[in-house]
Structure formats: C-alpha cells, structure tokens
Amino acid sequence: MVAAVETVDRPRQGEFLGPLREFLAAHAGAAPRGGTARLTWARAFHADLTDAGLAAPGWPKEVGGMDLSLPDQIAYHREMTRARAPRHPCGLSFIVAPTLIRHGTPAQKERFLRPLLRADEFWCQGFSEPGAGSELTALSTRAVRDGDHYVVTGQKVWTSQAHLADWMFALVRTGEPGPKGISYLLLSMTSPGLTVRPLRDISGGTHFAEVFLDEVRVPVENLVGQENEGWSIARTSLGHERATAFLSDEFRYRRVVTELIALAAGSPAGDDPVVRQGLARMEAGVRILASNSRRALETVLAGRDPGPASSVNRLMRAEFDQRLHEVALRVIGPDAVLGNREPTAPEGGRWTYGYLMSRSATIGAGTAEIQRNTIAERVLGLPAPPPAPGVGRG
C-alpha cells in the first residue's frame, strides 16, 4: 500500500499544471464567511475556471472538458486541494453531466453542459419518492405523453439543493411497473405546477426538500435517451456518483485527516490510546479510499460502466466520513456540544457540523444496507435472500 501511494504522489507533470497553478494563485484563497458570500465566491470561481479552459478535467474536449489522462486528473485534483479551491457549489451537476455526455442529444449538450460547469445553473436529483427510496424501481411519479409534452404528476423527497436548483433530472413512470417503464426527464424548476418545500435537517440547515409535481408540462425534447429506457440511463448517473464524481474527495480527506492529527497532537486527547488508534484507522482508511477511487476511475476512462462495483466506493466513503467525525468529536471532548453558531466552538464548530451532516451519508443515494446487498449479489455473486412473504423484488 505504501509503495502504491508513493507512486501516485509523483504524477506526470502535464502541460496544464502551469496555467492551473497561475490561475489558482490569482483566484484561490480564504473562503469568505457566511453562506451567501461563500456561495457567490464559489460560483464566480468556477465561472472563471471554465472560461479559462481549466474545468472538467475528465470530460471530452468536444463538450468543454480537458480530456486529461488518469495521472493528470489526479495531479489536477491535488493542485485544487492544495490551493483550497472551492468545490463546485453544485456537486449534483457532476452526476447529471456524465449522463448527458453519454446519452444526451447534441442540443441537450449544447444547452446544458456549459452553464452547468460555470455554476450559472444548479441541478437537483429527482429520484427518491416517499414510496421509493433505495428501491427506486418502485417509483410512481407518472409522465403521460400529450403531444409535444409530457404531463408529470407525483412527488419527490429528500431532494438535495432543490430550493437552489434551476433544473431537476428526474426518473418518471412512462410505462409498466418496474425498471422497464421508467424514463429520464429534465425539468425546469420554474415550471407551473412544481412546488418545493424545504426540509430542515439535524444540522439546522435546509439541505433537502420535498418536490410536488402537479401536471407539470415538460417538453419531449427534454427526454434523455429513449422512452422507458431511463433506468439503464440512470445507472450512468448513479455509477458516476458512486465512483468518480467525488474523485477529489480523496485529496480533501487526506487534508482533513492531516488536520485532525494536528488537532489531536496539540491537545491532551493526543495521548489517549483510543484516540491514537482511531487516528491510525483514519490514516489507513484515507489510503484505501485513494486506491479504490483510482480503480473506479480507470474503469470509466476505459469506457466501461462502473456498474455494481461502484457501490463499494459509495459505501466505503460514507462510512469513512462518519468514523472520521466520530474520532474528531472524541478529540474535541465536551466542547463538541458547541455548534457552528457558537462563537467559542473549536475551529468554528466545523467538526460538530460535519458529524451531524455525516449521519445522512449511509442513507442518501441508497442505504448502506442496499449497497451491501448489491456488493454481495452483483459483485461477489452470492445468492439473493428470498423475499419476505407477500413482498416482491424490484
């Protein structure tokens, strides 16, 4: 493991590194305080990054990307992390983008990809429903063809950033029950009949929302791929979300683990053997995450679908995030009860806030239990358990 890490820590120096470093020296820096100011700063940064031709390292050049090799993509994300460049303010954009690149029409790519990359437009994901969370093929939101439009009626829930989004990529029922009757639509969030109701979460914020759709008319030209083939198309979104959309996380986690070790070293908790063991596990975990993320990226760059193996990446990342913040709260001790609104909270309450936010990590985009079932059945080839009496399998 150590040898592998040392190898990737010396990436091939691509021609893009000089311009990227110059851009970061001129644009990156300390993030402004306050949610609105931080959001505005991040949007401006990514607009300038796109205009400079230094965004989307893994996208093909014909759709505005840099088309970098795997080693150069790793070098790119390392530079961005070192400079503390802001992450794209709408991570969900990089879930729909690979789907549009692979399955979208030329008009869809032309219309949506550049505004998405510049953060001019935000996206949300309309997959989960009150009766279809981890088992998405049970969704019931219906889209009925009416001339040049689909008329969409139903409800989505746990929709991240819906209150900020300009567009939603959604799965809707256009045919028979099950996966063969699902289509993939792009909906404007300003459409008549669409209502967003924010949901307050444990951190005190409103990161999620319910979305109600009452006969929302969506142009047929906003259908991605063919009608009733949305489930297979959605696998592109889900696979990239779990395998590659968060490639930069390995460098962010590397930095965060280093910061946590420094925090422990400067406090009495650094002498606690339980804390020291937890830090050792985090150090090992961040190296494993790096190895697994690069393996997943190699699969995508080779033109193959990440498939069920991407569930390994999703599960590992979610559980690592939770364990990391559990160790952090043990380091902080009793002051961990102080939230990010308390001026005397250690490091602005970042660790407590992160702990609260990490609770959803093993629920969103498929629960940890669903991920384990997928890994067991479709990666390891283990037999599926028999369904409970009266319960079918989607």
Protein backbone atom coordinates (compact mmCIF):
# COMPACT_ATOMS: atom_id res chain seq x y z
CA MET A 1 0.00 0.00 0.00
CA VAL A 2 2.74 2.48 0.90
CA ALA A 3 4.56 1.86 -2.37
CA ALA A 4 1.36 2.43 -4.34
CA VAL A 5 0.70 5.72 -2.59
CA GLU A 6 4.25 6.90 -3.13
CA THR A 7 3.93 6.14 -6.85
CA VAL A 8 0.75 8.20 -7.35
CA ASP A 9 2.17 11.01 -5.23
CA ARG A 10 4.60 11.74 -8.06
CA PRO A 11 2.22 12.28 -11.02
CA ARG A 12 3.36 13.01 -14.52
CA GLN A 13 3.59 16.77 -14.95
CA GLY A 14 1.10 17.66 -17.68
CA GLU A 15 1.15 20.86 -19.69
CA PHE A 16 -1.96 22.06 -17.87
CA LEU A 17 -0.25 22.36 -14.47
CA GLY A 18 1.48 25.68 -15.15
CA PRO A 19 -1.68 27.50 -16.27
CA LEU A 20 -3.68 25.87 -13.46
CA ARG A 21 -1.20 26.99 -10.81
CA GLU A 22 -1.18 30.52 -12.20
CA PHE A 23 -4.97 30.58 -12.14
CA LEU A 24 -5.12 29.26 -8.57
CA ALA A 25 -2.52 31.79 -7.39
CA ALA A 26 -4.69 34.58 -8.76
CA HIS A 27 -8.13 33.26 -7.76
CA ALA A 28 -7.96 30.86 -4.80
CA GLY A 29 -7.71 31.95 -1.21
CA ALA A 30 -9.54 32.00 2.08
CA ALA A 31 -13.27 31.49 1.68
CA PRO A 32 -15.44 34.38 2.84
CA ARG A 33 -17.55 33.78 5.93
CA GLY A 34 -21.30 33.46 5.58
CA GLY A 35 -23.27 31.05 3.43
CA THR A 36 -24.41 33.53 0.79
CA ALA A 37 -20.97 35.15 0.40
CA ARG A 38 -19.28 31.74 0.20
CA LEU A 39 -21.75 30.55 -2.44
CA THR A 40 -21.28 33.68 -4.55
CA TRP A 41 -17.49 33.31 -4.31
CA ALA A 42 -17.59 29.64 -5.36
CA ARG A 43 -19.86 30.36 -8.32
CA ALA A 44 -17.60 33.16 -9.56
CA PHE A 45 -14.51 30.97 -9.14
CA HIS A 46 -15.94 28.14 -11.25
CA ALA A 47 -17.24 30.52 -13.91
CA ASP A 48 -13.72 31.95 -14.31
CA LEU A 49 -12.20 28.45 -14.19
CA THR A 50 -14.46 27.35 -17.04
CA ASP A 51 -13.78 30.45 -19.10
CA ALA A 52 -10.04 29.80 -18.69
CA GLY A 53 -10.46 26.28 -20.12
CA LEU A 54 -9.36 24.70 -16.84
CA ALA A 55 -12.56 22.97 -15.71
CA ALA A 56 -13.85 19.40 -16.10
CA PRO A 57 -10.51 17.53 -16.25
CA GLY A 58 -12.12 14.24 -17.24
CA TRP A 59 -14.65 15.48 -19.79
CA PRO A 60 -14.01 15.14 -23.54
CA LYS A 61 -12.74 18.31 -25.20
CA GLU A 62 -15.69 18.45 -27.58
CA VAL A 63 -18.03 19.17 -24.65
CA GLY A 64 -15.77 21.70 -22.94
CA GLY A 65 -13.54 19.43 -20.87
CA MET A 66 -9.77 18.95 -20.64
CA ASP A 67 -9.71 15.24 -21.56
CA LEU A 68 -6.83 14.52 -19.17
CA SER A 69 -5.29 11.13 -18.55
CA LEU A 70 -5.80 9.41 -15.21
CA PRO A 71 -2.43 10.53 -13.75
CA ASP A 72 -3.08 14.09 -14.86
CA GLN A 73 -6.58 14.08 -13.38
CA ILE A 74 -5.07 13.01 -10.08
CA ALA A 75 -2.49 15.82 -10.34
CA TYR A 76 -5.27 18.29 -11.18
CA HIS A 77 -7.33 17.44 -8.10
CA ARG A 78 -4.23 17.51 -5.91
CA GLU A 79 -3.43 21.06 -7.03
CA MET A 80 -7.00 22.20 -6.45
CA THR A 81 -7.00 20.73 -2.95
CA ARG A 82 -3.61 22.21 -2.03
CA ALA A 83 -4.82 25.65 -3.08
CA ARG A 84 -8.04 25.18 -1.08
CA ALA A 85 -10.00 25.98 -4.20
CA PRO A 86 -13.75 25.89 -3.60
CA ARG A 87 -15.54 22.75 -4.62
CA HIS A 88 -18.14 23.23 -7.31
CA PRO A 89 -21.16 24.63 -5.43
CA CYS A 90 -23.49 22.10 -7.04
CA GLY A 91 -21.96 18.64 -6.83
CA LEU A 92 -25.15 17.14 -8.29
CA SER A 93 -24.24 18.79 -11.58
CA PHE A 94 -21.48 16.22 -11.95
CA ILE A 95 -23.98 13.41 -11.61
CA VAL A 96 -26.19 14.53 -14.49
CA ALA A 97 -23.27 15.70 -16.66
CA PRO A 98 -21.84 12.22 -17.46
CA THR A 99 -25.36 11.10 -18.37
CA LEU A 100 -25.81 14.00 -20.80
CA ILE A 101 -22.35 13.46 -22.27
CA ARG A 102 -23.10 9.80 -22.91
CA HIS A 103 -26.84 9.79 -23.70
CA GLY A 104 -27.86 13.40 -24.40
CA THR A 105 -28.69 14.85 -27.80
CA PRO A 106 -26.34 17.44 -29.35
CA ALA A 107 -28.92 20.11 -28.48
CA GLN A 108 -29.06 18.98 -24.84
CA LYS A 109 -25.28 19.03 -24.53
CA GLU A 110 -25.10 22.47 -26.11
CA ARG A 111 -27.87 23.85 -23.90
CA PHE A 112 -26.92 22.43 -20.51
CA LEU A 113 -23.25 21.49 -20.11
CA ARG A 114 -21.52 24.87 -20.14
CA PRO A 115 -24.00 26.64 -17.79
CA LEU A 116 -23.72 23.61 -15.52
CA LEU A 117 -19.93 23.78 -15.50
CA ARG A 118 -19.85 27.54 -14.85
CA ALA A 119 -22.32 27.12 -11.96
CA ASP A 120 -24.68 29.50 -13.77
CA GLU A 121 -27.39 26.88 -13.30
CA PHE A 122 -27.85 24.44 -10.42
CA TRP A 123 -29.30 20.94 -10.63
CA CYS A 124 -31.12 18.65 -8.24
CA GLN A 125 -31.83 14.93 -8.50
CA GLY A 126 -35.47 13.80 -8.60
CA PHE A 127 -35.09 10.10 -7.89
CA SER A 128 -36.31 9.25 -4.36
CA GLU A 129 -40.02 9.26 -3.54
CA PRO A 130 -42.00 8.62 -0.34
CA GLY A 131 -42.61 5.04 -1.52
CA ALA A 132 -39.40 4.57 -3.50
CA GLY A 133 -36.17 5.40 -1.73
CA SER A 134 -33.44 2.82 -2.01
CA GLU A 135 -35.79 0.68 -4.14
CA LEU A 136 -36.07 3.25 -6.91
CA THR A 137 -37.76 0.95 -9.41
CA ALA A 138 -40.92 1.25 -7.29
CA LEU A 139 -41.29 4.94 -8.18
CA SER A 140 -44.79 6.12 -9.06
CA THR A 141 -44.39 9.71 -10.36
CA ARG A 142 -46.20 9.46 -13.68
CA ALA A 143 -45.40 11.18 -17.00
CA VAL A 144 -48.11 10.97 -19.67
CA ARG A 145 -47.35 11.96 -23.27
CA ASP A 146 -49.55 14.81 -24.55
CA GLY A 147 -48.41 15.91 -27.99
CA ASP A 148 -45.01 17.62 -27.69
CA HIS A 149 -45.03 17.46 -23.90
CA TYR A 150 -45.08 15.04 -21.01
CA VAL A 151 -47.51 15.85 -18.20
CA VAL A 152 -45.82 14.88 -14.92
CA THR A 153 -47.66 14.28 -11.63
CA GLY A 154 -46.20 12.91 -8.40
CA GLN A 155 -43.84 13.68 -5.53
CA LYS A 156 -40.09 13.53 -4.90
CA VAL A 157 -38.45 13.73 -1.48
CA TRP A 158 -35.01 14.18 0.11
CA THR A 159 -34.16 16.24 -2.94
CA SER A 160 -30.80 17.90 -2.22
CA GLN A 161 -30.49 21.63 -3.05
CA ALA A 162 -33.96 21.69 -4.62
CA HIS A 163 -34.54 25.18 -3.20
CA LEU A 164 -31.45 26.44 -5.08
CA ALA A 165 -31.83 24.40 -8.27
CA ASP A 166 -32.76 25.70 -11.70
CA TRP A 167 -33.22 22.21 -13.16
CA MET A 168 -34.03 18.71 -11.99
CA PHE A 169 -33.02 15.44 -13.62
CA ALA A 170 -35.78 13.03 -12.72
CA LEU A 171 -36.92 9.46 -13.13
CA VAL A 172 -40.59 9.17 -14.02
CA ARG A 173 -43.01 6.34 -14.81
CA THR A 174 -43.96 6.27 -18.50
CA GLY A 175 -44.76 2.56 -18.84
CA GLU A 176 -45.30 -0.67 -16.96
CA PRO A 177 -44.35 -1.19 -13.28
CA GLY A 178 -40.71 -2.00 -12.61
CA PRO A 179 -37.50 -0.81 -14.26
CA LYS A 180 -38.69 -1.24 -17.87
CA GLY A 181 -41.28 1.53 -17.61
CA ILE A 182 -39.05 4.37 -16.36
CA SER A 183 -37.89 7.41 -18.34
CA TYR A 184 -35.29 10.12 -17.65
CA LEU A 185 -36.55 13.71 -17.91
CA LEU A 186 -35.04 17.18 -17.43
CA LEU A 187 -37.47 19.54 -15.67
CA SER A 188 -37.24 23.29 -15.19
CA MET A 189 -37.76 24.16 -11.52
CA THR A 190 -39.76 27.24 -12.58
CA SER A 191 -42.39 25.10 -14.32
CA PRO A 192 -46.02 25.85 -13.37
CA GLY A 193 -47.32 23.17 -11.02
CA LEU A 194 -43.93 22.44 -9.43
CA THR A 195 -43.67 23.25 -5.70
CA VAL A 196 -40.58 22.97 -3.45
CA ARG A 197 -40.93 22.62 0.33
CA PRO A 198 -37.57 22.66 2.19
CA LEU A 199 -36.95 20.15 5.00
CA ARG A 200 -34.85 21.19 8.00
CA ASP A 201 -32.23 18.59 8.93
CA ILE A 202 -30.33 17.75 12.12
CA SER A 203 -27.61 20.34 11.36
CA GLY A 204 -30.20 23.12 11.42
CA GLY A 205 -29.98 23.73 7.67
CA THR A 206 -32.38 23.03 4.81
CA HIS A 207 -30.24 20.92 2.51
CA PHE A 208 -33.13 18.71 1.40
CA ALA A 209 -36.66 19.33 0.19
CA GLU A 210 -39.91 17.76 -0.92
CA VAL A 211 -40.89 18.47 -4.51
CA PHE A 212 -44.53 18.24 -5.59
CA LEU A 213 -45.42 17.95 -9.28
CA ASP A 214 -48.99 18.75 -10.26
CA GLU A 215 -49.48 18.25 -14.01
CA VAL A 216 -46.12 19.80 -14.83
CA ARG A 217 -45.63 20.07 -18.57
CA VAL A 218 -42.17 19.06 -19.80
CA PRO A 219 -41.15 19.33 -23.48
CA VAL A 220 -40.49 15.97 -25.12
CA GLU A 221 -37.13 17.36 -26.23
CA ASN A 222 -36.10 17.15 -22.54
CA LEU A 223 -36.29 13.35 -22.59
CA VAL A 224 -32.80 11.86 -22.25
CA GLY A 225 -32.38 8.72 -24.33
CA GLN A 226 -35.43 6.71 -25.32
CA GLU A 227 -38.75 6.47 -23.52
CA ASN A 228 -38.88 3.63 -20.96
CA GLU A 229 -35.10 3.24 -21.00
CA GLY A 230 -34.47 5.64 -18.14
CA TRP A 231 -33.45 3.02 -15.60
CA SER A 232 -30.42 1.87 -17.60
CA ILE A 233 -29.60 5.52 -18.35
CA ALA A 234 -29.83 6.37 -14.63
CA ARG A 235 -27.12 3.81 -13.92
CA THR A 236 -24.72 6.23 -15.60
CA SER A 237 -25.72 8.90 -13.08
CA LEU A 238 -25.57 6.57 -10.10
CA GLY A 239 -22.35 4.88 -11.20
CA HIS A 240 -20.51 8.16 -11.64
CA GLU A 241 -21.90 9.49 -8.38
CA ARG A 242 -20.54 6.49 -6.50
CA ALA A 243 -17.33 6.02 -8.46
CA THR A 244 -15.95 9.18 -9.98
CA ALA A 245 -17.98 12.31 -9.25
CA PHE A 246 -16.15 12.67 -5.95
CA LEU A 247 -12.64 11.82 -7.09
CA SER A 248 -11.33 14.97 -5.43
CA ASP A 249 -12.63 13.70 -2.08
CA GLU A 250 -9.56 11.53 -1.63
CA PHE A 251 -7.38 14.67 -1.53
CA ARG A 252 -9.84 16.56 0.64
CA TYR A 253 -9.95 13.65 3.09
CA ARG A 254 -6.15 13.48 3.00
CA ARG A 255 -6.00 17.11 4.08
CA VAL A 256 -8.75 16.72 6.68
CA VAL A 257 -7.11 13.67 8.29
CA THR A 258 -3.82 15.57 8.45
CA GLU A 259 -5.61 18.49 10.12
CA LEU A 260 -7.30 16.16 12.59
CA ILE A 261 -3.97 14.56 13.53
CA ALA A 262 -2.53 18.05 14.11
CA LEU A 263 -5.56 18.96 16.25
CA ALA A 264 -5.05 15.85 18.38
CA ALA A 265 -1.31 16.47 18.70
CA GLY A 266 -2.00 19.87 20.21
CA SER A 267 -4.48 18.64 22.82
CA PRO A 268 -4.48 16.19 25.76
CA ALA A 269 -6.53 13.82 23.60
CA GLY A 270 -3.38 13.07 21.62
CA ASP A 271 -2.16 10.90 24.48
CA ASP A 272 -5.37 8.86 24.64
CA PRO A 273 -4.67 5.37 23.20
CA VAL A 274 -8.26 5.09 21.92
CA VAL A 275 -7.88 8.36 20.03
CA ARG A 276 -4.49 7.34 18.66
CA GLN A 277 -5.92 4.05 17.42
CA GLY A 278 -8.79 5.92 15.77
CA LEU A 279 -6.38 8.25 14.02
CA ALA A 280 -4.37 5.28 12.77
CA ARG A 281 -7.53 3.78 11.31
CA MET A 282 -8.32 7.08 9.58
CA GLU A 283 -4.82 7.19 8.09
CA ALA A 284 -5.25 3.67 6.73
CA GLY A 285 -8.76 4.46 5.54
CA VAL A 286 -7.80 7.51 3.51
CA ARG A 287 -5.17 5.47 1.68
CA ILE A 288 -7.68 2.74 0.90
CA LEU A 289 -10.14 5.33 -0.40
CA ALA A 290 -7.47 6.73 -2.72
CA SER A 291 -6.70 3.31 -4.15
CA ASN A 292 -10.35 2.42 -4.68
CA SER A 293 -11.24 5.78 -6.27
CA ARG A 294 -8.48 5.44 -8.84
CA ARG A 295 -9.51 1.89 -9.67
CA ALA A 296 -13.06 3.11 -10.30
CA LEU A 297 -11.82 6.00 -12.45
CA GLU A 298 -9.70 3.66 -14.56
CA THR A 299 -12.87 1.66 -15.30
CA VAL A 300 -14.72 4.75 -16.51
CA LEU A 301 -11.78 6.01 -18.59
CA ALA A 302 -11.61 2.61 -20.26
CA GLY A 303 -15.17 3.20 -21.47
CA ARG A 304 -16.80 0.69 -19.14
CA ASP A 305 -19.81 1.29 -16.87
CA PRO A 306 -18.72 1.45 -13.21
CA GLY A 307 -21.61 -0.93 -12.54
CA PRO A 308 -22.30 -2.50 -9.15
CA ALA A 309 -18.64 -2.27 -8.11
CA SER A 310 -19.25 1.46 -7.65
CA SER A 311 -21.31 0.52 -4.60
CA VAL A 312 -18.02 -0.42 -2.91
CA ASN A 313 -16.76 3.13 -3.36
CA ARG A 314 -20.02 4.67 -2.19
CA LEU A 315 -20.20 2.50 0.95
CA MET A 316 -16.55 2.98 1.92
CA ARG A 317 -16.72 6.76 1.51
CA ALA A 318 -19.93 7.11 3.53
CA GLU A 319 -18.75 5.02 6.45
CA PHE A 320 -15.30 6.63 6.44
CA ASP A 321 -16.88 10.08 6.68
CA GLN A 322 -18.89 9.04 9.73
CA ARG A 323 -15.96 7.39 11.51
CA LEU A 324 -13.72 10.38 10.77
CA HIS A 325 -16.06 12.78 12.52
CA GLU A 326 -16.63 10.40 15.41
CA VAL A 327 -12.89 10.42 16.06
CA ALA A 328 -12.86 14.22 15.72
CA LEU A 329 -15.52 14.62 18.42
CA ARG A 330 -13.54 12.36 20.74
CA VAL A 331 -10.51 14.61 20.17
CA ILE A 332 -12.51 17.77 20.93
CA GLY A 333 -14.18 16.32 24.01
CA PRO A 334 -17.02 18.11 25.84
CA ASP A 335 -16.71 21.22 23.64
CA ALA A 336 -18.09 19.12 20.77
CA VAL A 337 -21.59 20.01 22.01
CA LEU A 338 -21.00 23.57 20.76
CA GLY A 339 -22.38 24.04 17.26
CA ASN A 340 -21.17 26.24 14.44
CA ARG A 341 -23.39 29.10 15.64
CA GLU A 342 -21.47 29.30 18.93
CA PRO A 343 -18.52 31.76 18.67
CA THR A 344 -16.39 29.78 21.15
CA ALA A 345 -16.82 26.42 19.38
CA PRO A 346 -13.47 24.80 18.49
CA GLU A 347 -12.49 25.60 14.89
CA GLY A 348 -15.83 27.30 14.30
CA GLY A 349 -17.78 24.13 15.06
CA ARG A 350 -16.70 22.54 11.78
CA TRP A 351 -16.23 19.07 13.28
CA THR A 352 -19.59 19.01 15.03
CA TYR A 353 -21.32 20.28 11.91
CA GLY A 354 -19.54 17.64 9.82
CA TYR A 355 -20.57 14.94 12.29
CA LEU A 356 -24.23 15.93 12.04
CA MET A 357 -24.11 16.11 8.25
CA SER A 358 -22.39 12.71 8.00
CA ARG A 359 -25.42 10.98 9.54
CA SER A 360 -27.12 11.03 6.15
CA ALA A 361 -24.11 9.56 4.34
CA THR A 362 -25.26 5.96 4.83
CA ILE A 363 -28.83 6.79 3.78
CA GLY A 364 -28.66 9.01 0.71
CA ALA A 365 -28.22 7.54 -2.80
CA GLY A 366 -29.01 4.07 -1.47
CA THR A 367 -28.65 2.99 2.15
CA ALA A 368 -25.59 1.13 3.40
CA GLU A 369 -27.72 -2.00 3.61
CA ILE A 370 -28.74 -1.69 -0.04
CA GLN A 371 -25.10 -1.13 -1.04
CA ARG A 372 -24.07 -4.28 0.84
CA ASN A 373 -26.78 -6.31 -0.88
CA THR A 374 -25.62 -5.01 -4.27
CA ILE A 375 -22.00 -5.87 -3.49
CA ALA A 376 -22.93 -9.33 -2.21
CA GLU A 377 -25.19 -10.27 -5.11
CA ARG A 378 -23.71 -8.48 -8.12
CA VAL A 379 -20.01 -8.21 -7.25
CA LEU A 380 -19.35 -11.31 -5.15
CA GLY A 381 -22.02 -13.45 -6.84
CA LEU A 382 -23.67 -14.54 -3.61
CA PRO A 383 -27.28 -15.79 -3.77
CA ALA A 384 -30.02 -13.26 -3.11
CA PRO A 385 -32.11 -13.83 0.01
CA PRO A 386 -35.68 -14.99 -0.62
CA PRO A 387 -38.24 -12.18 -0.47
CA ALA A 388 -40.42 -11.87 2.58
CA PRO A 389 -43.93 -13.35 2.19
CA GLY A 390 -46.08 -11.04 0.11
CA VAL A 391 -43.12 -8.84 -0.90
CA GLY A 392 -41.74 -8.86 -4.44
CA ARG A 393 -38.25 -7.83 -5.53
CA GLY A 394 -37.99 -4.78 -7.83
